[in-house]
């Protein structure tokens, strides 16, 4: 019976997502929810043709239907579904109107506020050196808000290539589900396991349509909804915020680095560019989209396996190690490599 906490919700979520994605593709073409790189030029774009952007719709429907079937309709679920609804509505509007990034950010805070307002917040932080740090109610609310908004955006930034995002989300959600499954004797963790399984199933059902060559993109709704759900799951599972950071280590370090790089360059941290790791793997190492997506999946899976056995201090060391490796690679791609190329050009021009 306990094993069914993962398998049955995952299967239903997969089926709903898989069956409704073709309908979302048709709706996208009918109502203009598409991305045309010739009309909407963006430095982060890697596709050349017109692609539907409505991927958040089938994922949301899968989440909604599966949650109402398997989870108690309590205060927490009401807040989660309300926040998810805000995310998907904002995503549909962005698919059609290409909203300003700051307006999208406001939508993320609204969605996070609905969740926190229903009692889902970070009441304590685990100290990597031992013990816990209890947070006051006000600080718990602030931490909860910014954690949800931050994770929603860093996961959304990981949808650069076909299939990249849904694969990462499936692995991360299953890691949280397996960790919760270990504590299945605690019935308060059952809802976490079920919701994590639903999240994994919803994105797994979407993956075949998003993998290269993609027939549909996750869009802002599908991307931020993924991070939103993983952030909420990490809070509900109490001790797994650190686990989420380890499993999502590459997107996390990439996002922190990108924000810092943009601010130092005098640009807005929320405006996209072509400086993310996946862009550099394509532009500098000439990796294909399939190879890059699978690379992200493998790294996420390895980190997920590590997260299943690491203690708090070991998770902290793992994040530091990732920061050094990924940060060093990004520094080389964005600064040292361009400088080296410029120096080579100067030498060739003088000879």
C-alpha atoms as a PDB file:
ATOM      1  CA  UNK A   1       0.000   0.000   0.000  1.00  0.00           C
ATOM      2  CA  UNK A   2       2.744   2.431   0.944  1.00  0.00           C
ATOM      3  CA  UNK A   3       4.481   1.942  -2.425  1.00  0.00           C
ATOM      4  CA  UNK A   4       1.271   3.036  -4.126  1.00  0.00           C
ATOM      5  CA  UNK A   5       1.783   6.478  -2.567  1.00  0.00           C
ATOM      6  CA  UNK A   6       4.329   7.059  -5.326  1.00  0.00           C
ATOM      7  CA  UNK A   7       3.242   4.837  -8.216  1.00  0.00           C
ATOM      8  CA  UNK A   8      -0.522   5.388  -8.536  1.00  0.00           C
ATOM      9  CA  UNK A   9      -0.544   9.230  -8.349  1.00  0.00           C
ATOM     10  CA  UNK A  10       2.447   9.335 -10.707  1.00  0.00           C
ATOM     11  CA  UNK A  11       0.683   7.171 -13.293  1.00  0.00           C
ATOM     12  CA  UNK A  12      -2.537   9.213 -13.228  1.00  0.00           C
ATOM     13  CA  UNK A  13      -0.626  12.501 -13.476  1.00  0.00           C
ATOM     14  CA  UNK A  14       1.407  11.094 -16.375  1.00  0.00           C
ATOM     15  CA  UNK A  15      -1.694   9.947 -18.270  1.00  0.00           C
ATOM     16  CA  UNK A  16      -3.537  13.268 -17.834  1.00  0.00           C
ATOM     17  CA  UNK A  17      -0.508  15.295 -18.905  1.00  0.00           C
ATOM     18  CA  UNK A  18       0.290  13.015 -21.839  1.00  0.00           C
ATOM     19  CA  UNK A  19      -3.292  13.055 -23.162  1.00  0.00           C
ATOM     20  CA  UNK A  20      -3.905  16.797 -22.733  1.00  0.00           C
ATOM     21  CA  UNK A  21      -0.613  18.062 -24.194  1.00  0.00           C
ATOM     22  CA  UNK A  22      -1.725  17.504 -27.841  1.00  0.00           C
ATOM     23  CA  UNK A  23      -4.871  19.511 -27.033  1.00  0.00           C
ATOM     24  CA  UNK A  24      -2.718  22.305 -25.605  1.00  0.00           C
ATOM     25  CA  UNK A  25      -0.679  22.336 -28.819  1.00  0.00           C
ATOM     26  CA  UNK A  26      -3.853  22.809 -30.883  1.00  0.00           C
ATOM     27  CA  UNK A  27      -5.089  25.568 -28.576  1.00  0.00           C
ATOM     28  CA  UNK A  28      -1.736  27.320 -28.813  1.00  0.00           C
ATOM     29  CA  UNK A  29      -1.897  27.454 -32.603  1.00  0.00           C
ATOM     30  CA  UNK A  30      -5.531  28.568 -32.540  1.00  0.00           C
ATOM     31  CA  UNK A  31      -5.103  31.414 -30.041  1.00  0.00           C
ATOM     32  CA  UNK A  32      -1.599  32.524 -30.932  1.00  0.00           C
ATOM     33  CA  UNK A  33       0.160  31.171 -27.841  1.00  0.00           C
ATOM     34  CA  UNK A  34       3.330  30.613 -29.837  1.00  0.00           C
ATOM     35  CA  UNK A  35       6.923  31.797 -29.856  1.00  0.00           C
ATOM     36  CA  UNK A  36       8.171  33.195 -33.147  1.00  0.00           C
ATOM     37  CA  UNK A  37      11.902  34.016 -32.887  1.00  0.00           C
ATOM     38  CA  UNK A  38      11.687  36.201 -35.998  1.00  0.00           C
ATOM     39  CA  UNK A  39       9.039  38.454 -34.439  1.00  0.00           C
ATOM     40  CA  UNK A  40      10.139  38.148 -30.803  1.00  0.00           C
ATOM     41  CA  UNK A  41      13.911  38.357 -30.844  1.00  0.00           C
ATOM     42  CA  UNK A  42      15.622  37.281 -27.626  1.00  0.00           C
ATOM     43  CA  UNK A  43      19.307  36.495 -27.025  1.00  0.00           C
ATOM     44  CA  UNK A  44      18.430  33.328 -25.084  1.00  0.00           C
ATOM     45  CA  UNK A  45      16.458  31.769 -27.951  1.00  0.00           C
ATOM     46  CA  UNK A  46      17.931  28.602 -29.443  1.00  0.00           C
ATOM     47  CA  UNK A  47      15.019  27.540 -31.673  1.00  0.00           C
ATOM     48  CA  UNK A  48      14.449  28.810 -35.204  1.00  0.00           C
ATOM     49  CA  UNK A  49      10.867  27.826 -36.004  1.00  0.00           C
ATOM     50  CA  UNK A  50       7.530  28.863 -34.496  1.00  0.00           C
ATOM     51  CA  UNK A  51       6.821  26.752 -31.386  1.00  0.00           C
ATOM     52  CA  UNK A  52       3.711  26.643 -29.129  1.00  0.00           C
ATOM     53  CA  UNK A  53       4.429  28.006 -25.639  1.00  0.00           C
ATOM     54  CA  UNK A  54       1.398  26.596 -23.824  1.00  0.00           C
ATOM     55  CA  UNK A  55       3.115  23.713 -22.016  1.00  0.00           C
ATOM     56  CA  UNK A  56       1.992  24.907 -18.611  1.00  0.00           C
ATOM     57  CA  UNK A  57      -1.671  24.142 -19.395  1.00  0.00           C
ATOM     58  CA  UNK A  58      -1.505  20.299 -19.515  1.00  0.00           C
ATOM     59  CA  UNK A  59       0.888  20.260 -16.560  1.00  0.00           C
ATOM     60  CA  UNK A  60      -1.515  22.384 -14.519  1.00  0.00           C
ATOM     61  CA  UNK A  61      -4.514  20.228 -15.480  1.00  0.00           C
ATOM     62  CA  UNK A  62      -2.576  17.120 -14.474  1.00  0.00           C
ATOM     63  CA  UNK A  63      -1.681  18.693 -11.121  1.00  0.00           C
ATOM     64  CA  UNK A  64      -5.253  19.855 -10.495  1.00  0.00           C
ATOM     65  CA  UNK A  65      -7.026  16.599 -11.369  1.00  0.00           C
ATOM     66  CA  UNK A  66      -4.520  14.299  -9.658  1.00  0.00           C
ATOM     67  CA  UNK A  67      -4.379  16.420  -6.491  1.00  0.00           C
ATOM     68  CA  UNK A  68      -8.166  16.493  -6.150  1.00  0.00           C
ATOM     69  CA  UNK A  69      -8.243  12.699  -6.551  1.00  0.00           C
ATOM     70  CA  UNK A  70      -5.445  11.753  -4.145  1.00  0.00           C
ATOM     71  CA  UNK A  71      -5.005  14.604  -1.647  1.00  0.00           C
ATOM     72  CA  UNK A  72      -7.299  15.966   1.090  1.00  0.00           C
ATOM     73  CA  UNK A  73      -8.768  19.328   0.090  1.00  0.00           C
ATOM     74  CA  UNK A  74      -7.352  21.095   3.144  1.00  0.00           C
ATOM     75  CA  UNK A  75      -5.981  24.592   3.690  1.00  0.00           C
ATOM     76  CA  UNK A  76      -2.547  23.679   2.360  1.00  0.00           C
ATOM     77  CA  UNK A  77      -3.856  22.194  -0.885  1.00  0.00           C
ATOM     78  CA  UNK A  78      -6.139  25.200  -1.418  1.00  0.00           C
ATOM     79  CA  UNK A  79      -3.136  27.517  -1.131  1.00  0.00           C
ATOM     80  CA  UNK A  80      -0.997  25.375  -3.443  1.00  0.00           C
ATOM     81  CA  UNK A  81      -3.686  25.138  -6.133  1.00  0.00           C
ATOM     82  CA  UNK A  82      -4.476  28.857  -5.833  1.00  0.00           C
ATOM     83  CA  UNK A  83      -0.799  29.713  -6.255  1.00  0.00           C
ATOM     84  CA  UNK A  84      -0.487  27.285  -9.167  1.00  0.00           C
ATOM     85  CA  UNK A  85      -3.515  28.928 -10.803  1.00  0.00           C
ATOM     86  CA  UNK A  86      -1.867  32.346 -10.559  1.00  0.00           C
ATOM     87  CA  UNK A  87       1.301  30.908 -12.108  1.00  0.00           C
ATOM     88  CA  UNK A  88      -0.536  29.334 -15.026  1.00  0.00           C
ATOM     89  CA  UNK A  89      -2.731  32.388 -15.713  1.00  0.00           C
ATOM     90  CA  UNK A  90       0.379  34.572 -15.694  1.00  0.00           C
ATOM     91  CA  UNK A  91       2.009  32.037 -18.006  1.00  0.00           C
ATOM     92  CA  UNK A  92      -0.876  32.101 -20.501  1.00  0.00           C
ATOM     93  CA  UNK A  93      -0.836  35.907 -20.532  1.00  0.00           C
ATOM     94  CA  UNK A  94       2.910  35.853 -21.115  1.00  0.00           C
ATOM     95  CA  UNK A  95       2.521  33.279 -23.892  1.00  0.00           C
ATOM     96  CA  UNK A  96       0.136  35.652 -25.657  1.00  0.00           C
ATOM     97  CA  UNK A  97       1.387  39.121 -24.698  1.00  0.00           C
ATOM     98  CA  UNK A  98       5.068  38.632 -23.758  1.00  0.00           C
ATOM     99  CA  UNK A  99       4.785  40.356 -20.375  1.00  0.00           C
ATOM    100  CA  UNK A 100       7.455  42.536 -18.786  1.00  0.00           C
ATOM    101  CA  UNK A 101       9.750  40.430 -16.523  1.00  0.00           C
ATOM    102  CA  UNK A 102       8.974  42.635 -13.522  1.00  0.00           C
ATOM    103  CA  UNK A 103       5.243  42.044 -13.987  1.00  0.00           C
ATOM    104  CA  UNK A 104       5.922  38.308 -14.096  1.00  0.00           C
ATOM    105  CA  UNK A 105       7.965  38.657 -10.903  1.00  0.00           C
ATOM    106  CA  UNK A 106       4.996  40.334  -9.185  1.00  0.00           C
ATOM    107  CA  UNK A 107       2.860  37.375 -10.253  1.00  0.00           C
ATOM    108  CA  UNK A 108       5.368  35.000  -8.661  1.00  0.00           C
ATOM    109  CA  UNK A 109       5.197  36.895  -5.362  1.00  0.00           C
ATOM    110  CA  UNK A 110       1.387  36.803  -5.495  1.00  0.00           C
ATOM    111  CA  UNK A 111       1.431  33.024  -6.008  1.00  0.00           C
ATOM    112  CA  UNK A 112       3.943  32.594  -3.188  1.00  0.00           C
ATOM    113  CA  UNK A 113       1.855  34.855  -0.942  1.00  0.00           C
ATOM    114  CA  UNK A 114      -1.205  32.646  -1.411  1.00  0.00           C
ATOM    115  CA  UNK A 115       0.800  29.607  -0.314  1.00  0.00           C
ATOM    116  CA  UNK A 116       2.426  31.294   2.673  1.00  0.00           C
ATOM    117  CA  UNK A 117      -0.944  32.785   3.643  1.00  0.00           C
ATOM    118  CA  UNK A 118      -2.314  29.249   3.962  1.00  0.00           C
ATOM    119  CA  UNK A 119       0.280  28.330   6.564  1.00  0.00           C
ATOM    120  CA  UNK A 120       3.137  26.990   4.442  1.00  0.00           C
ATOM    121  CA  UNK A 121       6.310  28.727   5.576  1.00  0.00           C
ATOM    122  CA  UNK A 122       9.903  28.127   6.643  1.00  0.00           C
ATOM    123  CA  UNK A 123       9.773  28.083  10.446  1.00  0.00           C
ATOM    124  CA  UNK A 124      13.370  26.945  10.959  1.00  0.00           C
ATOM    125  CA  UNK A 125      16.651  26.481   9.125  1.00  0.00           C
ATOM    126  CA  UNK A 126      18.943  23.523   9.683  1.00  0.00           C
ATOM    127  CA  UNK A 127      22.427  24.604  10.743  1.00  0.00           C
ATOM    128  CA  UNK A 128      24.999  22.624   8.686  1.00  0.00           C
ATOM    129  CA  UNK A 129      27.250  22.594  11.754  1.00  0.00           C
ATOM    130  CA  UNK A 130      24.503  21.081  13.904  1.00  0.00           C
ATOM    131  CA  UNK A 131      21.163  22.038  15.420  1.00  0.00           C
ATOM    132  CA  UNK A 132      18.480  24.282  13.978  1.00  0.00           C
ATOM    133  CA  UNK A 133      17.806  28.017  13.831  1.00  0.00           C
ATOM    134  CA  UNK A 134      14.235  28.887  14.831  1.00  0.00           C
ATOM    135  CA  UNK A 135      12.750  31.771  12.819  1.00  0.00           C
ATOM    136  CA  UNK A 136      10.208  34.273  14.104  1.00  0.00           C
ATOM    137  CA  UNK A 137       6.778  34.209  12.385  1.00  0.00           C
ATOM    138  CA  UNK A 138       7.561  37.351  10.355  1.00  0.00           C
ATOM    139  CA  UNK A 139      10.967  36.078   9.238  1.00  0.00           C
ATOM    140  CA  UNK A 140       9.415  32.683   8.435  1.00  0.00           C
ATOM    141  CA  UNK A 141       6.917  34.386   6.106  1.00  0.00           C
ATOM    142  CA  UNK A 142       9.639  36.445   4.390  1.00  0.00           C
ATOM    143  CA  UNK A 143      11.898  33.417   3.968  1.00  0.00           C
ATOM    144  CA  UNK A 144       8.992  31.381   2.594  1.00  0.00           C
ATOM    145  CA  UNK A 145       8.049  34.067   0.067  1.00  0.00           C
ATOM    146  CA  UNK A 146      11.549  34.580  -1.267  1.00  0.00           C
ATOM    147  CA  UNK A 147      12.352  30.862  -1.294  1.00  0.00           C
ATOM    148  CA  UNK A 148       9.318  30.066  -3.465  1.00  0.00           C
ATOM    149  CA  UNK A 149       9.902  33.005  -5.828  1.00  0.00           C
ATOM    150  CA  UNK A 150      13.617  32.263  -6.096  1.00  0.00           C
ATOM    151  CA  UNK A 151      13.201  28.567  -6.855  1.00  0.00           C
ATOM    152  CA  UNK A 152      10.346  29.250  -9.297  1.00  0.00           C
ATOM    153  CA  UNK A 153      12.632  31.498 -11.317  1.00  0.00           C
ATOM    154  CA  UNK A 154      15.859  29.484 -11.212  1.00  0.00           C
ATOM    155  CA  UNK A 155      14.039  26.362 -12.380  1.00  0.00           C
ATOM    156  CA  UNK A 156      12.288  28.393 -15.079  1.00  0.00           C
ATOM    157  CA  UNK A 157      15.690  29.575 -16.312  1.00  0.00           C
ATOM    158  CA  UNK A 158      16.605  25.917 -16.894  1.00  0.00           C
ATOM    159  CA  UNK A 159      14.196  25.448 -19.785  1.00  0.00           C
ATOM    160  CA  UNK A 160      16.707  26.677 -22.367  1.00  0.00           C
ATOM    161  CA  UNK A 161      16.817  23.481 -24.434  1.00  0.00           C
ATOM    162  CA  UNK A 162      14.280  20.892 -25.566  1.00  0.00           C
ATOM    163  CA  UNK A 163      13.485  18.484 -22.728  1.00  0.00           C
ATOM    164  CA  UNK A 164      15.949  20.049 -20.308  1.00  0.00           C
ATOM    165  CA  UNK A 165      13.453  21.321 -17.729  1.00  0.00           C
ATOM    166  CA  UNK A 166      10.942  18.431 -17.465  1.00  0.00           C
ATOM    167  CA  UNK A 167      13.749  15.892 -17.039  1.00  0.00           C
ATOM    168  CA  UNK A 168      15.292  17.901 -14.202  1.00  0.00           C
ATOM    169  CA  UNK A 169      11.910  18.316 -12.499  1.00  0.00           C
ATOM    170  CA  UNK A 170      11.032  14.611 -12.717  1.00  0.00           C
ATOM    171  CA  UNK A 171      14.322  13.633 -11.055  1.00  0.00           C
ATOM    172  CA  UNK A 172      14.096  16.329  -8.363  1.00  0.00           C
ATOM    173  CA  UNK A 173      10.467  15.500  -7.508  1.00  0.00           C
ATOM    174  CA  UNK A 174      11.179  11.762  -7.337  1.00  0.00           C
ATOM    175  CA  UNK A 175      14.126  12.423  -5.024  1.00  0.00           C
ATOM    176  CA  UNK A 176      11.846  14.298  -2.616  1.00  0.00           C
ATOM    177  CA  UNK A 177       9.214  11.542  -2.933  1.00  0.00           C
ATOM    178  CA  UNK A 178      11.748   8.809  -2.135  1.00  0.00           C
ATOM    179  CA  UNK A 179      13.050  10.743   0.863  1.00  0.00           C
ATOM    180  CA  UNK A 180       9.495  11.190   2.117  1.00  0.00           C
ATOM    181  CA  UNK A 181       8.834   7.499   1.457  1.00  0.00           C
ATOM    182  CA  UNK A 182      11.579   6.656   3.954  1.00  0.00           C
ATOM    183  CA  UNK A 183       9.450   8.310   6.634  1.00  0.00           C
ATOM    184  CA  UNK A 184       6.176   6.741   5.492  1.00  0.00           C
ATOM    185  CA  UNK A 185       5.412   5.738   9.082  1.00  0.00           C
ATOM    186  CA  UNK A 186       4.799   9.465   9.636  1.00  0.00           C
ATOM    187  CA  UNK A 187       1.415  10.032   7.970  1.00  0.00           C
ATOM    188  CA  UNK A 188       2.098  13.781   7.725  1.00  0.00           C
ATOM    189  CA  UNK A 189       4.642  12.905   5.021  1.00  0.00           C
ATOM    190  CA  UNK A 190       2.134  10.978   2.905  1.00  0.00           C
ATOM    191  CA  UNK A 191       0.774  14.141   1.296  1.00  0.00           C
ATOM    192  CA  UNK A 192       4.329  15.251   0.466  1.00  0.00           C
ATOM    193  CA  UNK A 193       5.086  11.902  -1.192  1.00  0.00           C
ATOM    194  CA  UNK A 194       1.837  12.018  -3.189  1.00  0.00           C
ATOM    195  CA  UNK A 195       2.300  15.641  -4.325  1.00  0.00           C
ATOM    196  CA  UNK A 196       5.917  14.960  -5.307  1.00  0.00           C
ATOM    197  CA  UNK A 197       4.779  11.909  -7.293  1.00  0.00           C
ATOM    198  CA  UNK A 198       2.080  13.957  -9.020  1.00  0.00           C
ATOM    199  CA  UNK A 199       4.655  16.611  -9.926  1.00  0.00           C
ATOM    200  CA  UNK A 200       6.985  13.967 -11.367  1.00  0.00           C
ATOM    201  CA  UNK A 201       4.162  12.339 -13.345  1.00  0.00           C
ATOM    202  CA  UNK A 202       2.883  15.635 -14.752  1.00  0.00           C
ATOM    203  CA  UNK A 203       6.281  16.619 -16.149  1.00  0.00           C
ATOM    204  CA  UNK A 204       7.072  13.065 -17.278  1.00  0.00           C
ATOM    205  CA  UNK A 205       3.890  13.040 -19.373  1.00  0.00           C
ATOM    206  CA  UNK A 206       4.903  16.359 -20.924  1.00  0.00           C
ATOM    207  CA  UNK A 207       8.495  15.305 -21.659  1.00  0.00           C
ATOM    208  CA  UNK A 208       7.899  13.299 -24.901  1.00  0.00           C
ATOM    209  CA  UNK A 209       6.399  16.393 -26.534  1.00  0.00           C
ATOM    210  CA  UNK A 210       9.140  18.721 -25.282  1.00  0.00           C
ATOM    211  CA  UNK A 211      12.186  16.576 -26.074  1.00  0.00           C
ATOM    212  CA  UNK A 212      14.138  17.378 -29.236  1.00  0.00           C
ATOM    213  CA  UNK A 213      12.704  18.252 -31.659  1.00  0.00           C
ATOM    214  CA  UNK A 214      10.176  19.923 -29.366  1.00  0.00           C
ATOM    215  CA  UNK A 215       6.551  20.218 -30.406  1.00  0.00           C
ATOM    216  CA  UNK A 216       5.708  22.489 -27.459  1.00  0.00           C
ATOM    217  CA  UNK A 217       7.617  24.619 -24.938  1.00  0.00           C
ATOM    218  CA  UNK A 218       6.928  24.748 -21.171  1.00  0.00           C
ATOM    219  CA  UNK A 219       6.490  28.511 -21.389  1.00  0.00           C
ATOM    220  CA  UNK A 220       6.698  30.777 -18.370  1.00  0.00           C
ATOM    221  CA  UNK A 221       3.763  28.966 -16.754  1.00  0.00           C
ATOM    222  CA  UNK A 222       5.247  25.491 -17.041  1.00  0.00           C
ATOM    223  CA  UNK A 223       8.709  26.666 -16.008  1.00  0.00           C
ATOM    224  CA  UNK A 224       7.774  28.665 -12.926  1.00  0.00           C
ATOM    225  CA  UNK A 225       5.122  26.139 -11.870  1.00  0.00           C
ATOM    226  CA  UNK A 226       7.885  23.518 -11.693  1.00  0.00           C
ATOM    227  CA  UNK A 227      10.035  25.593  -9.354  1.00  0.00           C
ATOM    228  CA  UNK A 228       6.966  26.663  -7.383  1.00  0.00           C
ATOM    229  CA  UNK A 229       5.975  23.046  -6.711  1.00  0.00           C
ATOM    230  CA  UNK A 230       9.508  21.939  -5.821  1.00  0.00           C
ATOM    231  CA  UNK A 231       9.865  24.886  -3.433  1.00  0.00           C
ATOM    232  CA  UNK A 232       6.578  24.049  -1.708  1.00  0.00           C
ATOM    233  CA  UNK A 233       7.513  20.368  -1.478  1.00  0.00           C
ATOM    234  CA  UNK A 234      10.842  21.281   0.110  1.00  0.00           C
ATOM    235  CA  UNK A 235       9.041  23.377   2.747  1.00  0.00           C
ATOM    236  CA  UNK A 236       6.380  20.757   3.486  1.00  0.00           C
ATOM    237  CA  UNK A 237       9.013  18.068   3.921  1.00  0.00           C
ATOM    238  CA  UNK A 238      10.684  20.332   6.538  1.00  0.00           C
ATOM    239  CA  UNK A 239      14.240  19.010   6.288  1.00  0.00           C
ATOM    240  CA  UNK A 240      14.542  18.885   2.513  1.00  0.00           C
ATOM    241  CA  UNK A 241      15.271  22.521   1.559  1.00  0.00           C
ATOM    242  CA  UNK A 242      18.947  21.578   1.569  1.00  0.00           C
ATOM    243  CA  UNK A 243      18.092  18.488  -0.463  1.00  0.00           C
ATOM    244  CA  UNK A 244      16.363  20.627  -3.101  1.00  0.00           C
ATOM    245  CA  UNK A 245      19.425  22.876  -3.358  1.00  0.00           C
ATOM    246  CA  UNK A 246      21.707  19.869  -3.824  1.00  0.00           C
ATOM    247  CA  UNK A 247      19.523  18.186  -6.462  1.00  0.00           C
ATOM    248  CA  UNK A 248      19.031  21.505  -8.282  1.00  0.00           C
ATOM    249  CA  UNK A 249      22.665  22.418  -7.706  1.00  0.00           C
ATOM    250  CA  UNK A 250      23.521  23.226 -11.330  1.00  0.00           C
ATOM    251  CA  UNK A 251      20.489  25.514 -11.977  1.00  0.00           C
ATOM    252  CA  UNK A 252      21.008  27.066  -8.512  1.00  0.00           C
ATOM    253  CA  UNK A 253      24.686  27.954  -9.037  1.00  0.00           C
ATOM    254  CA  UNK A 254      24.003  29.017 -12.628  1.00  0.00           C
ATOM    255  CA  UNK A 255      21.213  31.358 -11.468  1.00  0.00           C
ATOM    256  CA  UNK A 256      23.216  32.913  -8.620  1.00  0.00           C
ATOM    257  CA  UNK A 257      26.149  33.460 -10.967  1.00  0.00           C
ATOM    258  CA  UNK A 258      23.895  34.941 -13.695  1.00  0.00           C
ATOM    259  CA  UNK A 259      22.248  37.357 -11.272  1.00  0.00           C
ATOM    260  CA  UNK A 260      25.637  38.530  -9.988  1.00  0.00           C
ATOM    261  CA  UNK A 261      27.062  38.826 -13.503  1.00  0.00           C
ATOM    262  CA  UNK A 262      24.141  40.938 -14.715  1.00  0.00           C
ATOM    263  CA  UNK A 263      24.227  43.255 -11.700  1.00  0.00           C
ATOM    264  CA  UNK A 264      28.003  43.784 -12.031  1.00  0.00           C
ATOM    265  CA  UNK A 265      27.482  44.598 -15.705  1.00  0.00           C
ATOM    266  CA  UNK A 266      24.877  47.224 -14.777  1.00  0.00           C
ATOM    267  CA  UNK A 267      21.969  45.232 -16.201  1.00  0.00           C
ATOM    268  CA  UNK A 268      18.709  44.085 -14.662  1.00  0.00           C
ATOM    269  CA  UNK A 269      19.018  40.641 -13.016  1.00  0.00           C
ATOM    270  CA  UNK A 270      15.646  39.541 -14.435  1.00  0.00           C
ATOM    271  CA  UNK A 271      16.328  40.259 -18.108  1.00  0.00           C
ATOM    272  CA  UNK A 272      17.482  37.135 -19.912  1.00  0.00           C
ATOM    273  CA  UNK A 273      20.712  36.758 -21.870  1.00  0.00           C
ATOM    274  CA  UNK A 274      22.881  34.085 -23.429  1.00  0.00           C
ATOM    275  CA  UNK A 275      25.252  33.628 -20.500  1.00  0.00           C
ATOM    276  CA  UNK A 276      23.717  30.530 -18.901  1.00  0.00           C
ATOM    277  CA  UNK A 277      25.687  27.297 -18.780  1.00  0.00           C
ATOM    278  CA  UNK A 278      23.486  25.528 -21.334  1.00  0.00           C
ATOM    279  CA  UNK A 279      24.020  28.374 -23.807  1.00  0.00           C
ATOM    280  CA  UNK A 280      27.789  28.169 -23.374  1.00  0.00           C
ATOM    281  CA  UNK A 281      27.796  24.400 -23.867  1.00  0.00           C
ATOM    282  CA  UNK A 282      26.028  25.015 -27.180  1.00  0.00           C
ATOM    283  CA  UNK A 283      27.981  28.077 -28.342  1.00  0.00           C
ATOM    284  CA  UNK A 284      31.496  27.222 -27.149  1.00  0.00           C
ATOM    285  CA  UNK A 285      31.633  23.424 -26.968  1.00  0.00           C
ATOM    286  CA  UNK A 286      29.091  22.962 -29.782  1.00  0.00           C
ATOM    287  CA  UNK A 287      27.045  20.426 -27.853  1.00  0.00           C
ATOM    288  CA  UNK A 288      23.697  19.526 -29.370  1.00  0.00           C
ATOM    289  CA  UNK A 289      20.390  20.097 -27.596  1.00  0.00           C
ATOM    290  CA  UNK A 290      19.862  16.397 -26.892  1.00  0.00           C
ATOM    291  CA  UNK A 291      23.354  16.008 -25.432  1.00  0.00           C
ATOM    292  CA  UNK A 292      23.007  19.090 -23.234  1.00  0.00           C
ATOM    293  CA  UNK A 293      19.583  18.062 -21.933  1.00  0.00           C
ATOM    294  CA  UNK A 294      20.777  14.538 -21.117  1.00  0.00           C
ATOM    295  CA  UNK A 295      23.886  16.008 -19.448  1.00  0.00           C
ATOM    296  CA  UNK A 296      21.642  18.074 -17.147  1.00  0.00           C
ATOM    297  CA  UNK A 297      19.528  15.003 -16.378  1.00  0.00           C
ATOM    298  CA  UNK A 298      22.581  12.899 -15.514  1.00  0.00           C
ATOM    299  CA  UNK A 299      24.090  15.545 -13.243  1.00  0.00           C
ATOM    300  CA  UNK A 300      20.714  16.032 -11.522  1.00  0.00           C
ATOM    301  CA  UNK A 301      20.328  12.255 -11.073  1.00  0.00           C
ATOM    302  CA  UNK A 302      23.831  11.931  -9.589  1.00  0.00           C
ATOM    303  CA  UNK A 303      23.131  14.804  -7.196  1.00  0.00           C
ATOM    304  CA  UNK A 304      19.764  13.234  -6.351  1.00  0.00           C
ATOM    305  CA  UNK A 305      21.442   9.947  -5.428  1.00  0.00           C
ATOM    306  CA  UNK A 306      23.947  11.843  -3.279  1.00  0.00           C
ATOM    307  CA  UNK A 307      21.151  13.810  -1.600  1.00  0.00           C
ATOM    308  CA  UNK A 308      19.476  10.566  -0.527  1.00  0.00           C
ATOM    309  CA  UNK A 309      22.429   9.689   1.694  1.00  0.00           C
ATOM    310  CA  UNK A 310      24.094  12.979   2.655  1.00  0.00           C
ATOM    311  CA  UNK A 311      23.736  14.680   6.028  1.00  0.00           C
ATOM    312  CA  UNK A 312      23.286  18.449   6.435  1.00  0.00           C
ATOM    313  CA  UNK A 313      26.997  19.269   6.650  1.00  0.00           C
ATOM    314  CA  UNK A 314      27.779  17.014   3.684  1.00  0.00           C
ATOM    315  CA  UNK A 315      25.046  18.734   1.640  1.00  0.00           C
ATOM    316  CA  UNK A 316      26.625  22.085   2.489  1.00  0.00           C
ATOM    317  CA  UNK A 317      30.039  20.871   1.307  1.00  0.00           C
ATOM    318  CA  UNK A 318      28.455  19.508  -1.876  1.00  0.00           C
ATOM    319  CA  UNK A 319      26.871  22.878  -2.683  1.00  0.00           C
ATOM    320  CA  UNK A 320      30.214  24.633  -2.058  1.00  0.00           C
ATOM    321  CA  UNK A 321      31.983  22.136  -4.333  1.00  0.00           C
ATOM    322  CA  UNK A 322      29.376  22.685  -7.056  1.00  0.00           C
ATOM    323  CA  UNK A 323      29.761  26.451  -6.701  1.00  0.00           C
ATOM    324  CA  UNK A 324      33.501  26.154  -7.282  1.00  0.00           C
ATOM    325  CA  UNK A 325      33.184  23.799 -10.279  1.00  0.00           C
ATOM    326  CA  UNK A 326      30.177  25.369 -12.035  1.00  0.00           C
ATOM    327  CA  UNK A 327      31.205  28.908 -11.092  1.00  0.00           C
ATOM    328  CA  UNK A 328      34.713  28.312 -12.406  1.00  0.00           C
ATOM    329  CA  UNK A 329      33.354  26.883 -15.651  1.00  0.00           C
ATOM    330  CA  UNK A 330      31.029  29.860 -16.130  1.00  0.00           C
ATOM    331  CA  UNK A 331      33.845  32.324 -15.393  1.00  0.00           C
ATOM    332  CA  UNK A 332      35.963  30.616 -18.010  1.00  0.00           C
ATOM    333  CA  UNK A 333      33.146  30.664 -20.574  1.00  0.00           C
ATOM    334  CA  UNK A 334      32.062  34.276 -19.979  1.00  0.00           C
ATOM    335  CA  UNK A 335      35.343  36.055 -19.221  1.00  0.00           C
ATOM    336  CA  UNK A 336      38.577  34.142 -19.789  1.00  0.00           C
ATOM    337  CA  UNK A 337      37.569  32.474 -23.068  1.00  0.00           C
ATOM    338  CA  UNK A 338      36.388  35.743 -24.737  1.00  0.00           C
ATOM    339  CA  UNK A 339      39.575  37.456 -23.494  1.00  0.00           C
ATOM    340  CA  UNK A 340      41.687  34.632 -24.917  1.00  0.00           C
ATOM    341  CA  UNK A 341      39.890  34.846 -28.270  1.00  0.00           C
ATOM    342  CA  UNK A 342      40.359  38.628 -28.371  1.00  0.00           C
ATOM    343  CA  UNK A 343      44.080  38.240 -27.632  1.00  0.00           C
ATOM    344  CA  UNK A 344      44.430  35.665 -30.406  1.00  0.00           C
ATOM    345  CA  UNK A 345      42.707  37.991 -32.866  1.00  0.00           C
ATOM    346  CA  UNK A 346      45.045  40.848 -31.905  1.00  0.00           C
ATOM    347  CA  UNK A 347      48.083  38.634 -32.479  1.00  0.00           C
ATOM    348  CA  UNK A 348      46.795  37.479 -35.859  1.00  0.00           C
ATOM    349  CA  UNK A 349      46.020  41.051 -36.942  1.00  0.00           C
ATOM    350  CA  UNK A 350      49.592  42.133 -36.152  1.00  0.00           C
ATOM    351  CA  UNK A 351      51.194  39.297 -38.088  1.00  0.00           C
END
